[in-house]
Amino acid sequence: MPIKQRCGTPGRTCAAALDAHGYAHYYYEVEPLGVFIIENVFGSNIRLYYTSGEEVVKVR
């Protein structure tokens, strides 16, 4: 089961400054469930993922 993990690892913050339209941009990775669990247990990033990208979220 693929899991979408914002910032690539648990507990990390990665939002860029708001753009001119009031959107925050976050890096994300879609990774296997096992990788997600291991990252949560050890609190570190494992660079094994299916895909990655940028999520855009309206803040204002």
N, C-alpha and C. Protein backbone atom coordinates (compact mmCIF):
# COMPACT_ATOMS: atom_id res chain seq x y z
N MET A 1 0.85 -1.17 0.00
CA MET A 1 0.00 0.00 0.00
C MET A 1 0.90 1.24 0.00
N PRO A 2 0.86 2.05 -1.03
CA PRO A 2 1.67 3.27 -1.08
C PRO A 2 1.15 4.33 -0.10
N ILE A 3 2.07 5.02 0.54
CA ILE A 3 1.76 6.07 1.50
C ILE A 3 2.37 7.38 1.01
N LYS A 4 1.58 8.45 1.04
CA LYS A 4 2.10 9.77 0.68
C LYS A 4 2.66 10.42 1.94
N GLN A 5 3.96 10.69 1.94
CA GLN A 5 4.65 11.26 3.11
C GLN A 5 5.12 12.67 2.77
N ARG A 6 4.50 13.66 3.42
CA ARG A 6 4.91 15.05 3.19
C ARG A 6 6.30 15.27 3.76
N CYS A 7 7.13 15.98 3.05
CA CYS A 7 8.51 16.33 3.42
C CYS A 7 9.46 15.14 3.35
N GLY A 8 8.98 13.98 2.95
CA GLY A 8 9.84 12.82 2.76
C GLY A 8 10.11 12.01 4.01
N THR A 9 9.92 12.59 5.18
CA THR A 9 10.19 11.86 6.42
C THR A 9 9.32 12.43 7.53
N PRO A 10 8.95 11.64 8.52
CA PRO A 10 8.08 12.11 9.59
C PRO A 10 8.72 13.20 10.45
N GLY A 11 7.92 14.18 10.82
CA GLY A 11 8.39 15.22 11.74
C GLY A 11 9.20 16.33 11.11
N ARG A 12 9.44 16.26 9.84
CA ARG A 12 10.24 17.27 9.16
C ARG A 12 9.32 18.35 8.59
N THR A 13 9.76 19.60 8.64
CA THR A 13 9.01 20.68 8.01
C THR A 13 9.75 21.10 6.75
N CYS A 14 8.99 21.37 5.69
CA CYS A 14 9.64 21.65 4.42
C CYS A 14 8.90 22.67 3.57
N ALA A 15 7.93 23.37 4.13
CA ALA A 15 7.18 24.33 3.33
C ALA A 15 8.06 25.51 2.95
N ALA A 16 7.93 25.91 1.70
CA ALA A 16 8.61 27.12 1.25
C ALA A 16 7.77 28.32 1.66
N ALA A 17 8.31 29.50 1.53
CA ALA A 17 7.54 30.71 1.82
C ALA A 17 6.31 30.75 0.91
N LEU A 18 5.28 31.41 1.36
CA LEU A 18 4.06 31.52 0.56
C LEU A 18 4.38 32.23 -0.75
N ASP A 19 3.74 31.76 -1.82
CA ASP A 19 3.93 32.44 -3.09
C ASP A 19 2.98 33.64 -3.18
N ALA A 20 3.00 34.35 -4.27
CA ALA A 20 2.21 35.58 -4.43
C ALA A 20 0.71 35.33 -4.38
N HIS A 21 0.28 34.09 -4.58
CA HIS A 21 -1.15 33.76 -4.59
C HIS A 21 -1.62 33.13 -3.28
N GLY A 22 -0.76 33.07 -2.25
CA GLY A 22 -1.13 32.53 -0.95
C GLY A 22 -1.05 31.03 -0.84
N TYR A 23 -0.24 30.38 -1.66
CA TYR A 23 -0.07 28.93 -1.63
C TYR A 23 1.27 28.56 -0.99
N ALA A 24 1.24 27.50 -0.18
CA ALA A 24 2.48 26.92 0.37
C ALA A 24 2.83 25.70 -0.47
N HIS A 25 4.10 25.50 -0.73
CA HIS A 25 4.58 24.38 -1.55
C HIS A 25 5.33 23.40 -0.65
N TYR A 26 4.92 22.14 -0.68
CA TYR A 26 5.53 21.09 0.13
C TYR A 26 6.08 19.99 -0.77
N TYR A 27 7.27 19.49 -0.45
CA TYR A 27 7.83 18.32 -1.12
C TYR A 27 7.14 17.08 -0.53
N TYR A 28 6.87 16.08 -1.34
CA TYR A 28 6.32 14.82 -0.83
C TYR A 28 6.94 13.63 -1.56
N GLU A 29 6.85 12.47 -0.92
CA GLU A 29 7.25 11.20 -1.52
C GLU A 29 6.11 10.20 -1.35
N VAL A 30 5.87 9.38 -2.35
CA VAL A 30 4.94 8.26 -2.25
C VAL A 30 5.82 7.03 -2.10
N GLU A 31 5.72 6.39 -0.94
CA GLU A 31 6.66 5.31 -0.61
C GLU A 31 5.92 4.06 -0.13
N PRO A 32 6.60 2.92 -0.17
CA PRO A 32 5.98 1.67 0.32
C PRO A 32 5.66 1.76 1.82
N LEU A 33 4.63 1.05 2.23
CA LEU A 33 4.20 1.05 3.63
C LEU A 33 5.34 0.67 4.56
N GLY A 34 6.14 -0.33 4.20
CA GLY A 34 7.26 -0.76 5.04
C GLY A 34 8.28 0.34 5.27
N VAL A 35 8.58 1.09 4.23
CA VAL A 35 9.52 2.22 4.35
C VAL A 35 8.93 3.27 5.28
N PHE A 36 7.64 3.56 5.12
CA PHE A 36 6.96 4.53 5.97
C PHE A 36 7.05 4.13 7.45
N ILE A 37 6.81 2.86 7.74
CA ILE A 37 6.87 2.37 9.13
C ILE A 37 8.29 2.49 9.69
N ILE A 38 9.28 2.07 8.92
CA ILE A 38 10.68 2.16 9.37
C ILE A 38 11.08 3.61 9.62
N GLU A 39 10.67 4.51 8.74
CA GLU A 39 10.99 5.94 8.93
C GLU A 39 10.36 6.47 10.22
N ASN A 40 9.14 6.05 10.52
CA ASN A 40 8.48 6.49 11.75
C ASN A 40 9.15 5.94 12.99
N VAL A 41 9.62 4.70 12.93
CA VAL A 41 10.28 4.09 14.08
C VAL A 41 11.62 4.76 14.36
N PHE A 42 12.42 4.97 13.31
CA PHE A 42 13.77 5.51 13.49
C PHE A 42 13.87 7.02 13.30
N GLY A 43 12.82 7.66 12.77
CA GLY A 43 12.83 9.11 12.59
C GLY A 43 13.82 9.60 11.55
N SER A 44 14.12 8.76 10.57
CA SER A 44 15.06 9.18 9.53
C SER A 44 14.45 8.92 8.15
N ASN A 45 15.04 9.53 7.14
CA ASN A 45 14.54 9.39 5.79
C ASN A 45 15.27 8.25 5.07
N ILE A 46 14.51 7.38 4.46
CA ILE A 46 15.06 6.32 3.61
C ILE A 46 14.72 6.71 2.18
N ARG A 47 15.71 6.85 1.35
CA ARG A 47 15.50 7.33 -0.02
C ARG A 47 15.02 6.22 -0.95
N LEU A 48 13.93 5.57 -0.58
CA LEU A 48 13.30 4.55 -1.41
C LEU A 48 11.84 4.95 -1.55
N TYR A 49 11.44 5.37 -2.73
CA TYR A 49 10.07 5.80 -2.95
C TYR A 49 9.67 5.55 -4.40
N TYR A 50 8.35 5.49 -4.64
CA TYR A 50 7.83 5.27 -5.98
C TYR A 50 7.93 6.53 -6.83
N THR A 51 7.53 7.64 -6.25
CA THR A 51 7.55 8.91 -6.95
C THR A 51 7.63 10.03 -5.92
N SER A 52 7.96 11.21 -6.37
CA SER A 52 7.99 12.38 -5.49
C SER A 52 7.49 13.57 -6.28
N GLY A 53 7.18 14.64 -5.57
CA GLY A 53 6.68 15.82 -6.26
C GLY A 53 6.47 16.97 -5.31
N GLU A 54 5.67 17.92 -5.75
CA GLU A 54 5.40 19.11 -4.96
C GLU A 54 3.90 19.25 -4.78
N GLU A 55 3.48 19.36 -3.54
CA GLU A 55 2.07 19.56 -3.20
C GLU A 55 1.86 21.04 -2.96
N VAL A 56 0.80 21.60 -3.54
CA VAL A 56 0.50 23.02 -3.39
C VAL A 56 -0.78 23.14 -2.56
N VAL A 57 -0.71 23.89 -1.44
CA VAL A 57 -1.83 24.00 -0.51
C VAL A 57 -2.20 25.47 -0.34
N LYS A 58 -3.49 25.78 -0.48
CA LYS A 58 -3.97 27.15 -0.29
C LYS A 58 -3.98 27.46 1.20
N VAL A 59 -3.29 28.54 1.60
CA VAL A 59 -3.19 28.90 3.01
C VAL A 59 -4.15 30.03 3.35
N ARG A 60 -4.26 30.99 2.51
CA ARG A 60 -5.14 32.14 2.78
C ARG A 60 -6.43 32.04 2.04
